[in-house]
């Protein structure tokens, strides 16, 4: 199956369904971690959300792009991050924090709709909890990778370059 991705989107162009029926694409685990970290970073930063998403800056995608990076390749919308301890996630603590963030973000996505305007997400009563859970997960993953969690999020183009180079 081939899916055409919109320009400046993080959505990949094709999927493979291998590995014992487990739906995967051909992306190595470290790329999955980079995508999850990128999404958590953007979902955890209210200033970024105001300055980039609400302002409509296309180089960062939108809320839907971030949710896609968070759950699509890993299928975290279908099963626990615990499944990836030892590959994408270093330990059960990382997995639990990611699961908490995923559940809060997806609850809002299901309530307001996947392609709702950015303001619908940011004004949702549960958004502060989703931001807080995403921040906790982002801080843990960044610390475990030795990165500064307060660096500004990278654009989709920079993320794509990093993933190709690594």
Protein backbone atom coordinates (compact mmCIF):
# COMPACT_ATOMS: atom_id res chain seq x y z
CA UNK A 1 0.00 0.00 0.00
CA UNK A 2 1.37 3.43 -0.88
CA UNK A 3 0.18 6.56 0.87
CA UNK A 4 1.11 9.97 -0.44
CA UNK A 5 2.27 12.29 2.33
CA UNK A 6 1.46 15.99 2.16
CA UNK A 7 4.38 18.37 1.76
CA UNK A 8 6.10 19.26 5.05
CA UNK A 9 4.45 16.35 6.80
CA UNK A 10 6.07 13.77 9.03
CA UNK A 11 3.79 11.09 7.62
CA UNK A 12 5.76 8.40 5.78
CA UNK A 13 5.01 7.36 2.23
CA UNK A 14 4.66 3.59 2.67
CA UNK A 15 4.08 0.87 5.26
CA UNK A 16 5.20 -2.71 5.47
CA UNK A 17 3.33 -5.37 7.41
CA UNK A 18 6.00 -7.81 8.48
CA UNK A 19 7.48 -9.23 11.69
CA UNK A 20 4.98 -11.84 12.73
CA UNK A 21 1.96 -9.80 11.71
CA UNK A 22 3.05 -6.84 13.84
CA UNK A 23 2.36 -3.77 11.70
CA UNK A 24 5.62 -1.96 11.12
CA UNK A 25 7.29 0.13 8.53
CA UNK A 26 10.90 -0.29 7.59
CA UNK A 27 12.07 2.35 10.07
CA UNK A 28 14.68 1.30 12.66
CA UNK A 29 13.87 1.72 16.36
CA UNK A 30 16.12 4.75 16.85
CA UNK A 31 14.12 6.61 14.20
CA UNK A 32 10.94 5.68 16.04
CA UNK A 33 12.45 7.09 19.24
CA UNK A 34 13.39 10.31 17.42
CA UNK A 35 9.85 10.70 16.09
CA UNK A 36 8.28 9.99 19.49
CA UNK A 37 10.67 12.44 21.15
CA UNK A 38 9.94 15.11 18.53
CA UNK A 39 6.20 14.73 19.06
CA UNK A 40 6.47 14.77 22.85
CA UNK A 41 8.70 17.85 22.64
CA UNK A 42 6.14 19.79 20.61
CA UNK A 43 3.17 18.52 22.65
CA UNK A 44 4.91 19.51 25.88
CA UNK A 45 5.73 23.12 25.03
CA UNK A 46 2.86 25.65 25.34
CA UNK A 47 5.01 28.54 24.06
CA UNK A 48 5.94 26.54 20.96
CA UNK A 49 2.26 25.66 20.43
CA UNK A 50 1.29 29.35 20.52
CA UNK A 51 4.20 30.63 18.43
CA UNK A 52 4.27 27.85 15.83
CA UNK A 53 1.08 25.80 15.69
CA UNK A 54 -1.40 28.55 16.46
CA UNK A 55 0.54 30.94 14.22
CA UNK A 56 0.37 28.35 11.42
CA UNK A 57 4.11 27.97 10.82
CA UNK A 58 4.22 25.08 8.32
CA UNK A 59 7.81 24.00 9.02
CA UNK A 60 6.65 22.32 12.24
CA UNK A 61 3.53 20.63 10.97
CA UNK A 62 0.49 20.77 13.19
CA UNK A 63 -1.01 18.90 16.14
CA UNK A 64 -2.08 16.07 13.84
CA UNK A 65 1.51 15.67 12.57
CA UNK A 66 2.79 15.47 16.15
CA UNK A 67 0.17 12.89 17.10
CA UNK A 68 1.06 10.93 13.99
CA UNK A 69 4.77 10.87 14.95
CA UNK A 70 3.81 9.83 18.48
CA UNK A 71 1.64 6.83 17.60
CA UNK A 72 1.69 5.82 13.95
CA UNK A 73 4.98 3.97 13.52
CA UNK A 74 4.87 2.49 17.01
CA UNK A 75 1.15 1.77 17.16
CA UNK A 76 1.04 3.25 20.66
CA UNK A 77 -2.62 3.96 20.01
CA UNK A 78 -3.17 0.17 20.01
CA UNK A 79 -0.79 -1.15 22.67
CA UNK A 80 1.42 -0.09 25.52
CA UNK A 81 4.86 1.43 25.19
CA UNK A 82 5.93 -1.37 27.54
CA UNK A 83 6.08 -3.54 24.41
CA UNK A 84 9.11 -1.51 23.28
CA UNK A 85 11.17 -1.50 26.48
CA UNK A 86 14.68 -2.42 25.43
CA UNK A 87 14.28 -1.04 21.92
CA UNK A 88 12.56 2.35 21.64
CA UNK A 89 12.32 2.93 25.39
CA UNK A 90 15.12 2.31 27.84
CA UNK A 91 13.00 1.18 30.79
CA UNK A 92 9.53 0.77 32.24
CA UNK A 93 9.58 4.33 33.62
CA UNK A 94 10.00 5.82 30.14
CA UNK A 95 7.28 3.52 28.79
CA UNK A 96 4.83 4.45 31.56
CA UNK A 97 5.39 8.18 31.01
CA UNK A 98 4.92 7.81 27.24
CA UNK A 99 1.74 5.76 27.76
CA UNK A 100 0.33 8.47 30.05
CA UNK A 101 1.02 11.16 27.46
CA UNK A 102 -0.40 9.09 24.59
CA UNK A 103 -3.62 8.37 26.47
CA UNK A 104 -4.20 12.01 27.36
CA UNK A 105 -3.43 13.31 23.87
CA UNK A 106 -5.52 10.66 22.11
CA UNK A 107 -8.51 11.28 24.40
CA UNK A 108 -8.52 14.90 23.20
CA UNK A 109 -8.00 13.93 19.55
CA UNK A 110 -11.00 11.59 19.75
CA UNK A 111 -13.13 14.30 21.36
CA UNK A 112 -12.31 17.21 19.05
CA UNK A 113 -11.42 15.31 15.88
CA UNK A 114 -8.14 14.51 14.18
CA UNK A 115 -8.21 17.48 11.83
CA UNK A 116 -9.69 20.07 14.19
CA UNK A 117 -8.25 23.58 14.20
CA UNK A 118 -5.25 23.99 16.51
CA UNK A 119 -7.24 26.24 18.83
CA UNK A 120 -9.69 23.39 19.49
CA UNK A 121 -6.88 21.36 21.03
CA UNK A 122 -5.28 24.20 22.95
CA UNK A 123 -8.63 25.32 24.40
CA UNK A 124 -9.74 21.81 25.38
CA UNK A 125 -10.17 21.40 29.14
CA UNK A 126 -7.86 18.37 29.14
CA UNK A 127 -5.07 20.02 27.17
CA UNK A 128 -3.07 21.21 30.21
CA UNK A 129 -2.99 17.60 31.50
CA UNK A 130 -1.87 16.36 28.07
CA UNK A 131 0.87 19.01 27.97
CA UNK A 132 1.99 18.09 31.51
CA UNK A 133 2.10 14.35 30.73
CA UNK A 134 3.96 15.02 27.47
CA UNK A 135 6.42 17.23 29.34
CA UNK A 136 7.14 14.53 31.93
CA UNK A 137 7.79 11.98 29.18
CA UNK A 138 9.86 14.45 27.15
CA UNK A 139 12.02 15.34 30.17
CA UNK A 140 12.72 11.69 30.97
CA UNK A 141 13.59 10.68 27.40
CA UNK A 142 15.77 13.77 26.86
CA UNK A 143 17.60 13.22 30.16
CA UNK A 144 18.20 9.56 29.34
CA UNK A 145 19.61 10.55 25.95
CA UNK A 146 21.82 13.29 27.45
CA UNK A 147 19.97 16.07 25.60
CA UNK A 148 18.84 19.50 26.77
CA UNK A 149 15.04 19.23 27.08
CA UNK A 150 14.62 23.00 26.82
CA UNK A 151 16.17 23.38 23.38
CA UNK A 152 13.52 24.55 20.90
CA UNK A 153 11.82 21.76 18.93
CA UNK A 154 13.35 20.94 15.57
CA UNK A 155 11.46 21.61 12.36
CA UNK A 156 10.21 18.68 10.31
CA UNK A 157 12.92 19.35 7.72
CA UNK A 158 15.68 19.25 10.36
CA UNK A 159 14.17 16.08 11.85
CA UNK A 160 14.13 14.46 8.39
CA UNK A 161 17.78 15.39 7.80
CA UNK A 162 18.78 13.97 11.19
CA UNK A 163 16.94 10.73 10.51
CA UNK A 164 18.54 10.33 7.09
CA UNK A 165 22.04 11.07 8.39
CA UNK A 166 21.89 8.79 11.39
